[in-house]
Every structure is written in structure tokens, then in C-alpha cells.
Amino acid sequence: MAAISINVSTVKPLGDRVFVKVSASEEKTAGGILLPDTAKEKPQIGEVVFVGPGKRNDDGTRSALEVKVGDKVLYSKYAGTDVKLAGEDYVLLSEKDILATVA
């Protein structure tokens, strides 16, 4: 089996998939208590890095995605596939797993 080198620029989502860079999780609680790594919750906010071409309709055309590169999004807690590239955390999501854009 040959080893391949994957970096962020070589990832190209297919269909209605979206590649999101996960935002860093909170280090402190609102009261100022430092959290250990085991107590941190999985972040649900990230920035869209790449988007796929869109879902194919019944007539063969593609419907455009509602999000674009650079958007900050809120996504479902257990959605997508977690990917770690070059020490950064990413998640590959279907567009339906994105709940909202964040201003």
C-alpha cells in the first residue's frame, strides 16, 4: 500500500459536502475555571474552508449550496467526519448538518 500525503489544499468535497475548520474550544468556564482537555466539549462552530459543487437534482442540474467559503457556521454536535490535517481539526459535513451561519 502506497502512502499518500494529504494537506488541506488537496481536499475537495463532493456533492453537497462542506469542509469546515473547527474553532478552538473554550479553555475557561464563565466563572474563570480552567478546563482540562478531558472536560472540554466538542466545538460546534467553525469556518467553511471548501464547499462541494452542490447536490444533483432529478433533472441533472446542481443546486447551489447556501454557505460559501469563509462563512462561520454552527453545525450539529455529532455530525460529519472528523479529520486532522497538519495539526488542525476539521470536519467534513453534509450541508443538511449545518444549522446556521454565525455573524
Protein backbone atom coordinates (compact mmCIF):
# COMPACT_ATOMS: atom_id res chain seq x y z
CA MET A 1 0.00 0.00 0.00
CA ALA A 2 1.43 3.35 -1.03
CA ALA A 3 1.48 6.26 1.39
CA ILE A 4 -0.04 9.49 0.17
CA SER A 5 0.45 12.96 1.50
CA ILE A 6 -2.75 14.87 2.21
CA ASN A 7 -2.86 18.54 3.07
CA VAL A 8 -5.75 20.96 3.33
CA SER A 9 -5.42 22.29 -0.22
CA THR A 10 -5.80 18.79 -1.74
CA VAL A 11 -9.21 18.11 -0.12
CA LYS A 12 -12.13 18.68 -2.48
CA PRO A 13 -15.62 17.91 -1.09
CA LEU A 14 -18.09 16.13 -3.37
CA GLY A 15 -21.81 16.83 -3.84
CA ASP A 16 -23.34 18.88 -1.04
CA ARG A 17 -20.42 18.32 1.34
CA VAL A 18 -18.71 21.17 3.21
CA PHE A 19 -15.17 21.12 4.69
CA VAL A 20 -15.07 23.14 7.93
CA LYS A 21 -12.13 24.19 10.12
CA VAL A 22 -13.19 23.64 13.73
CA SER A 23 -12.91 26.64 16.08
CA ALA A 24 -10.88 26.21 19.25
CA SER A 25 -12.85 25.01 22.27
CA GLU A 26 -13.21 27.12 25.38
CA GLU A 27 -10.30 26.95 27.83
CA LYS A 28 -12.21 28.52 30.75
CA THR A 29 -15.74 28.45 32.09
CA ALA A 30 -17.74 31.65 32.55
CA GLY A 31 -16.63 31.66 36.20
CA GLY A 32 -12.95 31.55 35.22
CA ILE A 33 -12.22 27.88 36.00
CA LEU A 34 -9.63 26.34 33.65
CA LEU A 35 -10.88 23.19 31.94
CA PRO A 36 -8.69 20.12 31.37
CA ASP A 37 -8.75 18.53 27.90
CA THR A 38 -10.98 15.70 29.10
CA ALA A 39 -13.71 18.10 30.29
CA LYS A 40 -13.92 20.22 27.13
CA GLU A 41 -16.95 19.83 24.90
CA LYS A 42 -16.57 19.27 21.18
CA PRO A 43 -16.90 22.66 19.44
CA GLN A 44 -19.88 23.16 17.13
CA ILE A 45 -18.70 26.32 15.39
CA GLY A 46 -16.24 26.50 12.53
CA GLU A 47 -15.23 28.32 9.37
CA VAL A 48 -16.05 26.94 5.93
CA VAL A 49 -12.79 26.16 4.08
CA PHE A 50 -14.10 24.37 0.96
CA VAL A 51 -17.54 23.58 -0.46
CA GLY A 52 -18.62 20.93 -2.94
CA PRO A 53 -20.33 21.70 -6.27
CA GLY A 54 -23.83 21.14 -4.84
CA LYS A 55 -26.41 18.38 -4.74
CA ARG A 56 -27.55 16.98 -8.07
CA ASN A 57 -31.27 17.48 -8.80
CA ASP A 58 -33.53 14.98 -10.55
CA ASP A 59 -33.12 16.82 -13.86
CA GLY A 60 -29.31 16.64 -13.65
CA THR A 61 -28.63 20.24 -12.67
CA ARG A 62 -26.89 21.14 -9.43
CA SER A 63 -28.46 23.24 -6.69
CA ALA A 64 -26.02 25.74 -5.22
CA LEU A 65 -25.06 25.49 -1.56
CA GLU A 66 -26.35 28.13 0.87
CA VAL A 67 -22.94 28.55 2.53
CA LYS A 68 -19.74 29.83 0.95
CA VAL A 69 -16.05 29.76 1.77
CA GLY A 70 -15.28 31.99 4.74
CA ASP A 71 -18.70 31.68 6.43
CA LYS A 72 -18.76 30.86 10.14
CA VAL A 73 -21.27 28.09 10.73
CA LEU A 74 -22.96 26.30 13.62
CA TYR A 75 -23.31 22.56 12.98
CA SER A 76 -24.84 19.53 14.71
CA LYS A 77 -22.85 18.17 17.62
CA TYR A 78 -22.30 14.63 16.34
CA ALA A 79 -22.44 15.34 12.61
CA GLY A 80 -19.81 14.74 9.97
CA THR A 81 -16.43 13.07 9.85
CA ASP A 82 -13.60 14.44 11.97
CA VAL A 83 -10.33 14.97 10.10
CA LYS A 84 -6.96 16.10 11.48
CA LEU A 85 -4.57 17.64 8.94
CA ALA A 86 -1.30 19.41 9.76
CA GLY A 87 -2.21 19.59 13.46
CA GLU A 88 -5.53 21.36 12.78
CA ASP A 89 -9.01 19.90 13.36
CA TYR A 90 -11.52 19.84 10.51
CA VAL A 91 -14.91 18.24 9.97
CA LEU A 92 -16.44 17.11 6.67
CA LEU A 93 -20.19 17.76 6.79
CA SER A 94 -23.22 17.37 4.60
CA GLU A 95 -24.95 20.71 4.07
CA LYS A 96 -28.04 19.45 5.91
CA ASP A 97 -25.94 19.12 9.11
CA ILE A 98 -25.27 22.87 9.16
CA LEU A 99 -27.79 24.55 11.43
CA ALA A 100 -27.00 28.25 10.95
CA THR A 101 -24.46 30.83 9.89
CA VAL A 102 -22.89 32.92 12.65
CA ALA A 103 -22.25 36.64 12.20
